[in-house]
Amino acid sequence: MLEGQKRHLIATDLHIGFEGNMASNQIFLGKNTSINESIEQLLSLIDSENADDLILLGDVKSSIKTISKSEWNEVPLFLKKLQEKTDVMLIPGNHDSNIQRLVPEGITLISSVGIVIENALLTHGHTMPTENFSHVDKIIMGHVHPVFFEEDSVLNGQRVWVSLRAEKEKLFPSASGQIEITIVPSFNRYFYATKKKTYKKSISPIIERVKDFASAKIATLDGTIIGDESLLSQVI
């Protein structure tokens, strides 16, 4: 949740249509299992958090350069169901090429650069923001899919939140002061693994610039803090 003049519910990395890739590896979830779960969970959160709108931080769909058969059907269905409940904004990610062809009328499609709300830049995280955003105090992003890996831990393979604090000049050479970067975990609960080497993570130019210089808090989905910057290599 991002609170200010309005209450904004933020979610990222749904990867609708990813079941096709899993099916090719002989893993079958059942038709529309994950999309129905995502719709139900988001509608419930909109109610419980009294959200004024929903902001999707990219990778709504799963295929990168094309639109799969399932995405043609499922992405518009997903967006329409949410649109019936609240205003929806979509910031495209690197998997969202041609997504404008799937977006129903009335959904606000933002530039992939992102949008500034309450002095926070909301962006997917796959591109480097320009100096035009050097005034912001916070970046909220997805893309990285943070998951905790420690084989002896009960938390091994679970999605986590990551909050970083670093000097602004690492991102914006002309700026001074500090910036907070919140990495939102994938909303798709099937994005997990039990072994780090089997889980392919995305690289963000934002995180690459600050990760060696930042302080960090790592938290479970329910908000329990489980570590600091010493665990970053196990998470991102």
C-alpha atoms as a PDB file:
ATOM      1  CA  MET A   1       0.000   0.000   0.000  1.00  0.00           C
ATOM      2  CA  LEU A   2       1.164   3.512  -0.841  1.00  0.00           C
ATOM      3  CA  GLU A   3      -0.751   6.063   1.200  1.00  0.00           C
ATOM      4  CA  GLY A   4      -1.188   9.769   0.579  1.00  0.00           C
ATOM      5  CA  GLN A   5      -4.103  11.653  -0.885  1.00  0.00           C
ATOM      6  CA  LYS A   6      -5.349   8.207  -1.967  1.00  0.00           C
ATOM      7  CA  ARG A   7      -4.719   4.629  -0.909  1.00  0.00           C
ATOM      8  CA  HIS A   8      -2.907   2.839  -3.735  1.00  0.00           C
ATOM      9  CA  LEU A   9      -2.672  -0.960  -3.794  1.00  0.00           C
ATOM     10  CA  ILE A  10       0.460  -2.041  -5.680  1.00  0.00           C
ATOM     11  CA  ALA A  11       1.157  -5.476  -7.173  1.00  0.00           C
ATOM     12  CA  THR A  12       3.732  -6.727  -9.623  1.00  0.00           C
ATOM     13  CA  ASP A  13       4.888  -9.700 -11.700  1.00  0.00           C
ATOM     14  CA  LEU A  14       1.704 -11.696 -12.183  1.00  0.00           C
ATOM     15  CA  HIS A  15       3.092 -13.369 -15.320  1.00  0.00           C
ATOM     16  CA  ILE A  16      -0.314 -14.433 -16.604  1.00  0.00           C
ATOM     17  CA  GLY A  17       0.140 -17.262 -19.087  1.00  0.00           C
ATOM     18  CA  PHE A  18       3.204 -18.734 -17.374  1.00  0.00           C
ATOM     19  CA  GLU A  19       1.414 -22.080 -17.017  1.00  0.00           C
ATOM     20  CA  GLY A  20       2.295 -22.800 -20.635  1.00  0.00           C
ATOM     21  CA  ASN A  21       5.994 -22.861 -19.780  1.00  0.00           C
ATOM     22  CA  MET A  22       5.343 -25.065 -16.765  1.00  0.00           C
ATOM     23  CA  ALA A  23       3.241 -27.471 -18.846  1.00  0.00           C
ATOM     24  CA  SER A  24       6.136 -27.901 -21.255  1.00  0.00           C
ATOM     25  CA  ASN A  25       8.105 -29.154 -18.234  1.00  0.00           C
ATOM     26  CA  GLN A  26       5.306 -31.581 -17.300  1.00  0.00           C
ATOM     27  CA  ILE A  27       3.976 -29.408 -14.454  1.00  0.00           C
ATOM     28  CA  PHE A  28       0.227 -28.878 -14.674  1.00  0.00           C
ATOM     29  CA  LEU A  29      -1.681 -26.455 -12.434  1.00  0.00           C
ATOM     30  CA  GLY A  30      -5.102 -26.785 -14.022  1.00  0.00           C
ATOM     31  CA  LYS A  31      -6.819 -24.402 -16.413  1.00  0.00           C
ATOM     32  CA  ASN A  32      -7.022 -20.815 -15.110  1.00  0.00           C
ATOM     33  CA  THR A  33      -5.886 -21.870 -11.627  1.00  0.00           C
ATOM     34  CA  SER A  34      -3.421 -19.049 -11.042  1.00  0.00           C
ATOM     35  CA  ILE A  35      -5.401 -16.295 -12.787  1.00  0.00           C
ATOM     36  CA  ASN A  36      -8.523 -17.076 -10.753  1.00  0.00           C
ATOM     37  CA  GLU A  37      -6.460 -17.102  -7.551  1.00  0.00           C
ATOM     38  CA  SER A  38      -4.870 -13.766  -8.443  1.00  0.00           C
ATOM     39  CA  ILE A  39      -8.219 -12.140  -9.215  1.00  0.00           C
ATOM     40  CA  GLU A  40      -9.753 -13.376  -5.956  1.00  0.00           C
ATOM     41  CA  GLN A  41      -6.756 -12.293  -3.878  1.00  0.00           C
ATOM     42  CA  LEU A  42      -6.568  -8.824  -5.428  1.00  0.00           C
ATOM     43  CA  LEU A  43     -10.312  -8.216  -5.087  1.00  0.00           C
ATOM     44  CA  SER A  44     -10.079  -9.274  -1.438  1.00  0.00           C
ATOM     45  CA  LEU A  45      -7.120  -6.939  -0.824  1.00  0.00           C
ATOM     46  CA  ILE A  46      -8.901  -4.011  -2.479  1.00  0.00           C
ATOM     47  CA  ASP A  47     -11.734  -4.503   0.015  1.00  0.00           C
ATOM     48  CA  SER A  48      -9.677  -5.236   3.126  1.00  0.00           C
ATOM     49  CA  GLU A  49      -7.236  -2.369   2.522  1.00  0.00           C
ATOM     50  CA  ASN A  50      -9.941   0.053   1.378  1.00  0.00           C
ATOM     51  CA  ALA A  51      -7.861   0.823  -1.713  1.00  0.00           C
ATOM     52  CA  ASP A  52      -8.835   3.684  -4.023  1.00  0.00           C
ATOM     53  CA  ASP A  53      -7.074   2.128  -7.000  1.00  0.00           C
ATOM     54  CA  LEU A  54      -4.765  -0.665  -8.125  1.00  0.00           C
ATOM     55  CA  ILE A  55      -1.350  -0.068  -9.696  1.00  0.00           C
ATOM     56  CA  LEU A  56       0.282  -2.967 -11.560  1.00  0.00           C
ATOM     57  CA  LEU A  57       4.059  -2.616 -11.802  1.00  0.00           C
ATOM     58  CA  GLY A  58       4.544  -4.693 -14.913  1.00  0.00           C
ATOM     59  CA  ASP A  59       4.987  -8.217 -16.218  1.00  0.00           C
ATOM     60  CA  VAL A  60       1.252  -8.738 -16.227  1.00  0.00           C
ATOM     61  CA  LYS A  61       1.793 -11.257 -19.013  1.00  0.00           C
ATOM     62  CA  SER A  62       4.480 -13.900 -19.222  1.00  0.00           C
ATOM     63  CA  SER A  63       5.788 -14.228 -22.782  1.00  0.00           C
ATOM     64  CA  ILE A  64       8.334 -11.579 -23.723  1.00  0.00           C
ATOM     65  CA  LYS A  65       8.233 -10.900 -27.477  1.00  0.00           C
ATOM     66  CA  THR A  66       4.844 -12.343 -28.395  1.00  0.00           C
ATOM     67  CA  ILE A  67       1.313 -12.739 -27.095  1.00  0.00           C
ATOM     68  CA  SER A  68       0.443 -16.357 -26.414  1.00  0.00           C
ATOM     69  CA  LYS A  69      -2.963 -17.868 -27.090  1.00  0.00           C
ATOM     70  CA  SER A  70      -3.763 -18.039 -23.375  1.00  0.00           C
ATOM     71  CA  GLU A  71      -2.673 -14.416 -22.851  1.00  0.00           C
ATOM     72  CA  TRP A  72      -5.080 -13.214 -25.554  1.00  0.00           C
ATOM     73  CA  ASN A  73      -7.908 -14.592 -23.438  1.00  0.00           C
ATOM     74  CA  GLU A  74      -6.671 -14.303 -19.876  1.00  0.00           C
ATOM     75  CA  VAL A  75      -5.087 -10.840 -19.689  1.00  0.00           C
ATOM     76  CA  PRO A  76      -8.233  -8.934 -20.819  1.00  0.00           C
ATOM     77  CA  LEU A  77     -10.364 -11.125 -18.515  1.00  0.00           C
ATOM     78  CA  PHE A  78      -8.063 -10.395 -15.578  1.00  0.00           C
ATOM     79  CA  LEU A  79      -8.047  -6.629 -16.176  1.00  0.00           C
ATOM     80  CA  LYS A  80     -11.820  -6.439 -16.744  1.00  0.00           C
ATOM     81  CA  LYS A  81     -12.564  -8.244 -13.478  1.00  0.00           C
ATOM     82  CA  LEU A  82     -10.368  -5.812 -11.545  1.00  0.00           C
ATOM     83  CA  GLN A  83     -11.701  -2.809 -13.445  1.00  0.00           C
ATOM     84  CA  GLU A  84     -15.208  -3.688 -12.267  1.00  0.00           C
ATOM     85  CA  LYS A  85     -13.969  -3.169  -8.710  1.00  0.00           C
ATOM     86  CA  THR A  86     -11.615  -0.173  -8.893  1.00  0.00           C
ATOM     87  CA  ASP A  87      -9.517   2.092 -11.122  1.00  0.00           C
ATOM     88  CA  VAL A  88      -6.528   0.248 -12.587  1.00  0.00           C
ATOM     89  CA  MET A  89      -3.180   1.652 -13.761  1.00  0.00           C
ATOM     90  CA  LEU A  90      -0.637  -0.492 -15.588  1.00  0.00           C
ATOM     91  CA  ILE A  91       3.079   0.270 -15.921  1.00  0.00           C
ATOM     92  CA  PRO A  92       4.509  -2.134 -18.534  1.00  0.00           C
ATOM     93  CA  GLY A  93       7.461  -4.393 -17.733  1.00  0.00           C
ATOM     94  CA  ASN A  94       9.903  -6.217 -19.975  1.00  0.00           C
ATOM     95  CA  HIS A  95       7.398  -9.064 -20.526  1.00  0.00           C
ATOM     96  CA  ASP A  96       4.598  -6.698 -21.577  1.00  0.00           C
ATOM     97  CA  SER A  97       5.420  -6.038 -25.225  1.00  0.00           C
ATOM     98  CA  ASN A  98       2.261  -5.232 -27.215  1.00  0.00           C
ATOM     99  CA  ILE A  99       0.168  -5.340 -24.066  1.00  0.00           C
ATOM    100  CA  GLN A 100      -1.762  -2.307 -25.323  1.00  0.00           C
ATOM    101  CA  ARG A 101      -3.546  -4.790 -27.613  1.00  0.00           C
ATOM    102  CA  LEU A 102      -4.862  -6.620 -24.534  1.00  0.00           C
ATOM    103  CA  VAL A 103      -5.820  -3.682 -22.326  1.00  0.00           C
ATOM    104  CA  PRO A 104      -9.578  -2.957 -22.107  1.00  0.00           C
ATOM    105  CA  GLU A 105     -10.865   0.574 -22.541  1.00  0.00           C
ATOM    106  CA  GLY A 106     -10.759   2.475 -19.288  1.00  0.00           C
ATOM    107  CA  ILE A 107      -7.514   0.960 -17.969  1.00  0.00           C
ATOM    108  CA  THR A 108      -4.823   3.634 -17.585  1.00  0.00           C
ATOM    109  CA  LEU A 109      -1.701   2.494 -19.440  1.00  0.00           C
ATOM    110  CA  ILE A 110       1.375   4.372 -18.195  1.00  0.00           C
ATOM    111  CA  SER A 111       4.740   4.712 -19.954  1.00  0.00           C
ATOM    112  CA  SER A 112       7.231   1.976 -19.054  1.00  0.00           C
ATOM    113  CA  VAL A 113       9.351   4.758 -17.523  1.00  0.00           C
ATOM    114  CA  GLY A 114       6.912   4.795 -14.606  1.00  0.00           C
ATOM    115  CA  ILE A 115       4.911   7.350 -12.681  1.00  0.00           C
ATOM    116  CA  VAL A 116       5.615   9.537  -9.641  1.00  0.00           C
ATOM    117  CA  ILE A 117       3.048   9.379  -6.831  1.00  0.00           C
ATOM    118  CA  GLU A 118       3.606  10.799  -3.334  1.00  0.00           C
ATOM    119  CA  ASN A 119       7.230  11.563  -4.273  1.00  0.00           C
ATOM    120  CA  ALA A 120       7.838   7.897  -5.088  1.00  0.00           C
ATOM    121  CA  LEU A 121       8.758   6.585  -8.535  1.00  0.00           C
ATOM    122  CA  LEU A 122       6.661   3.534  -9.353  1.00  0.00           C
ATOM    123  CA  THR A 123       8.367   1.525 -12.090  1.00  0.00           C
ATOM    124  CA  HIS A 124       8.862  -2.083 -13.127  1.00  0.00           C
ATOM    125  CA  GLY A 125      12.613  -1.953 -12.509  1.00  0.00           C
ATOM    126  CA  HIS A 126      14.084  -3.235 -15.786  1.00  0.00           C
ATOM    127  CA  THR A 127      15.207   0.208 -16.978  1.00  0.00           C
ATOM    128  CA  MET A 128      17.355   2.919 -15.443  1.00  0.00           C
ATOM    129  CA  PRO A 129      15.446   6.099 -14.499  1.00  0.00           C
ATOM    130  CA  THR A 130      16.851   9.352 -15.846  1.00  0.00           C
ATOM    131  CA  GLU A 131      17.991  12.391 -13.892  1.00  0.00           C
ATOM    132  CA  ASN A 132      14.461  13.743 -14.359  1.00  0.00           C
ATOM    133  CA  PHE A 133      13.519  11.591 -11.375  1.00  0.00           C
ATOM    134  CA  SER A 134      16.359  12.663  -9.102  1.00  0.00           C
ATOM    135  CA  HIS A 135      13.911  14.533  -6.847  1.00  0.00           C
ATOM    136  CA  VAL A 136      12.093  11.410  -5.645  1.00  0.00           C
ATOM    137  CA  ASP A 137      12.720   9.999  -2.172  1.00  0.00           C
ATOM    138  CA  LYS A 138      11.598   6.474  -2.926  1.00  0.00           C
ATOM    139  CA  ILE A 139      11.491   3.939  -5.754  1.00  0.00           C
ATOM    140  CA  ILE A 140       8.926   1.130  -5.679  1.00  0.00           C
ATOM    141  CA  MET A 141       9.671  -1.634  -8.176  1.00  0.00           C
ATOM    142  CA  GLY A 142       9.244  -5.306  -9.046  1.00  0.00           C
ATOM    143  CA  HIS A 143      11.103  -7.290 -11.716  1.00  0.00           C
ATOM    144  CA  VAL A 144      13.665  -8.911  -9.409  1.00  0.00           C
ATOM    145  CA  HIS A 145      11.359 -11.565  -7.837  1.00  0.00           C
ATOM    146  CA  PRO A 146      13.137 -11.649  -4.447  1.00  0.00           C
ATOM    147  CA  VAL A 147      13.127 -15.143  -2.930  1.00  0.00           C
ATOM    148  CA  PHE A 148      15.001 -16.245   0.202  1.00  0.00           C
ATOM    149  CA  PHE A 149      17.413 -19.162  -0.142  1.00  0.00           C
ATOM    150  CA  GLU A 150      18.876 -21.005   2.825  1.00  0.00           C
ATOM    151  CA  GLU A 151      18.442 -24.747   2.549  1.00  0.00           C
ATOM    152  CA  ASP A 152      18.322 -25.369   6.313  1.00  0.00           C
ATOM    153  CA  SER A 153      15.663 -22.705   6.882  1.00  0.00           C
ATOM    154  CA  VAL A 154      11.883 -23.203   6.980  1.00  0.00           C
ATOM    155  CA  LEU A 155      11.744 -20.034   4.867  1.00  0.00           C
ATOM    156  CA  ASN A 156      13.813 -21.545   2.061  1.00  0.00           C
ATOM    157  CA  GLY A 157      12.259 -20.717  -1.323  1.00  0.00           C
ATOM    158  CA  GLN A 158       9.734 -18.211   0.002  1.00  0.00           C
ATOM    159  CA  ARG A 159       9.045 -14.823  -1.563  1.00  0.00           C
ATOM    160  CA  VAL A 160      10.263 -11.854   0.483  1.00  0.00           C
ATOM    161  CA  TRP A 161      10.159  -8.065   0.594  1.00  0.00           C
ATOM    162  CA  VAL A 162      13.406  -6.126   0.247  1.00  0.00           C
ATOM    163  CA  SER A 163      13.862  -2.529   1.382  1.00  0.00           C
ATOM    164  CA  LEU A 164      17.140  -0.815   0.491  1.00  0.00           C
ATOM    165  CA  ARG A 165      18.513   2.544   1.546  1.00  0.00           C
ATOM    166  CA  ALA A 166      21.391   4.094  -0.372  1.00  0.00           C
ATOM    167  CA  GLU A 167      22.926   7.414  -1.366  1.00  0.00           C
ATOM    168  CA  LYS A 168      20.966   9.023  -4.183  1.00  0.00           C
ATOM    169  CA  GLU A 169      24.104   9.829  -6.129  1.00  0.00           C
ATOM    170  CA  LYS A 170      24.591   6.115  -6.887  1.00  0.00           C
ATOM    171  CA  LEU A 171      21.527   6.434  -9.153  1.00  0.00           C
ATOM    172  CA  PHE A 172      21.443  10.156  -9.877  1.00  0.00           C
ATOM    173  CA  PRO A 173      24.938  11.708  -9.930  1.00  0.00           C
ATOM    174  CA  SER A 174      23.556  15.232  -9.604  1.00  0.00           C
ATOM    175  CA  ALA A 175      21.542  14.462  -6.451  1.00  0.00           C
ATOM    176  CA  SER A 176      22.398  14.283  -2.773  1.00  0.00           C
ATOM    177  CA  GLY A 177      20.749  12.656   0.215  1.00  0.00           C
ATOM    178  CA  GLN A 178      19.347   9.160   0.523  1.00  0.00           C
ATOM    179  CA  ILE A 179      16.799   7.155  -1.412  1.00  0.00           C
ATOM    180  CA  GLU A 180      14.711   4.195  -0.307  1.00  0.00           C
ATOM    181  CA  ILE A 181      14.094   1.371  -2.765  1.00  0.00           C
ATOM    182  CA  THR A 182      11.304  -1.115  -2.095  1.00  0.00           C
ATOM    183  CA  ILE A 183      11.391  -4.331  -4.115  1.00  0.00           C
ATOM    184  CA  VAL A 184       7.900  -5.820  -4.195  1.00  0.00           C
ATOM    185  CA  PRO A 185       7.809  -9.634  -4.363  1.00  0.00           C
ATOM    186  CA  SER A 186       6.102 -11.364  -7.262  1.00  0.00           C
ATOM    187  CA  PHE A 187       2.347 -11.578  -6.735  1.00  0.00           C
ATOM    188  CA  ASN A 188       2.429 -14.919  -8.532  1.00  0.00           C
ATOM    189  CA  ARG A 189       2.816 -17.399  -5.683  1.00  0.00           C
ATOM    190  CA  TYR A 190       4.146 -20.078  -8.032  1.00  0.00           C
ATOM    191  CA  PHE A 191       7.352 -18.075  -8.494  1.00  0.00           C
ATOM    192  CA  TYR A 192       9.450 -19.883  -5.917  1.00  0.00           C
ATOM    193  CA  ALA A 193      12.094 -22.559  -5.811  1.00  0.00           C
ATOM    194  CA  THR A 194      13.919 -24.726  -3.303  1.00  0.00           C
ATOM    195  CA  LYS A 195      17.365 -24.463  -4.836  1.00  0.00           C
ATOM    196  CA  LYS A 196      18.958 -21.194  -5.856  1.00  0.00           C
ATOM    197  CA  LYS A 197      20.616 -22.614  -8.969  1.00  0.00           C
ATOM    198  CA  THR A 198      17.218 -23.620 -10.395  1.00  0.00           C
ATOM    199  CA  TYR A 199      15.657 -20.193  -9.943  1.00  0.00           C
ATOM    200  CA  LYS A 200      16.467 -17.618 -12.614  1.00  0.00           C
ATOM    201  CA  LYS A 201      16.264 -14.066 -11.316  1.00  0.00           C
ATOM    202  CA  SER A 202      16.060 -10.862 -13.314  1.00  0.00           C
ATOM    203  CA  ILE A 203      18.796  -8.250 -13.161  1.00  0.00           C
ATOM    204  CA  SER A 204      17.853  -4.619 -12.555  1.00  0.00           C
ATOM    205  CA  PRO A 205      20.176  -1.727 -13.447  1.00  0.00           C
ATOM    206  CA  ILE A 206      18.780   0.114 -10.427  1.00  0.00           C
ATOM    207  CA  ILE A 207      19.736  -2.637  -7.992  1.00  0.00           C
ATOM    208  CA  GLU A 208      23.086  -3.285  -9.667  1.00  0.00           C
ATOM    209  CA  ARG A 209      24.111   0.308  -8.945  1.00  0.00           C
ATOM    210  CA  VAL A 210      23.227   0.307  -5.255  1.00  0.00           C
ATOM    211  CA  LYS A 211      23.391  -3.257  -3.919  1.00  0.00           C
ATOM    212  CA  ASP A 212      27.030  -3.098  -2.799  1.00  0.00           C
ATOM    213  CA  PHE A 213      26.524   0.220  -1.009  1.00  0.00           C
ATOM    214  CA  ALA A 214      23.073  -0.100   0.513  1.00  0.00           C
ATOM    215  CA  SER A 215      21.714  -0.967   3.925  1.00  0.00           C
ATOM    216  CA  ALA A 216      18.799  -3.381   3.728  1.00  0.00           C
ATOM    217  CA  LYS A 217      15.867  -4.948   5.498  1.00  0.00           C
ATOM    218  CA  ILE A 218      14.538  -8.273   4.274  1.00  0.00           C
ATOM    219  CA  ALA A 219      11.074  -9.293   5.414  1.00  0.00           C
ATOM    220  CA  THR A 220       8.691 -12.202   4.960  1.00  0.00           C
ATOM    221  CA  LEU A 221       5.334 -11.676   3.247  1.00  0.00           C
ATOM    222  CA  ASP A 222       3.715 -11.043   6.636  1.00  0.00           C
ATOM    223  CA  GLY A 223       6.266  -8.337   7.488  1.00  0.00           C
ATOM    224  CA  THR A 224       8.607 -10.215   9.822  1.00  0.00           C
ATOM    225  CA  ILE A 225      12.160  -8.895   9.386  1.00  0.00           C
ATOM    226  CA  ILE A 226      14.536 -11.809   8.814  1.00  0.00           C
ATOM    227  CA  GLY A 227      17.770 -10.152   7.761  1.00  0.00           C
ATOM    228  CA  ASP A 228      19.820  -7.192   6.599  1.00  0.00           C
ATOM    229  CA  GLU A 229      22.206  -6.405   3.759  1.00  0.00           C
ATOM    230  CA  SER A 230      24.385  -9.417   4.681  1.00  0.00           C
ATOM    231  CA  LEU A 231      21.652 -11.634   3.184  1.00  0.00           C
ATOM    232  CA  LEU A 232      21.183  -9.741  -0.079  1.00  0.00           C
ATOM    233  CA  SER A 233      23.181 -12.246  -2.100  1.00  0.00           C
ATOM    234  CA  GLN A 234      20.733 -14.960  -0.988  1.00  0.00           C
ATOM    235  CA  VAL A 235      17.712 -12.914  -2.075  1.00  0.00           C
ATOM    236  CA  ILE A 236      18.437 -10.853  -5.212  1.00  0.00           C
END
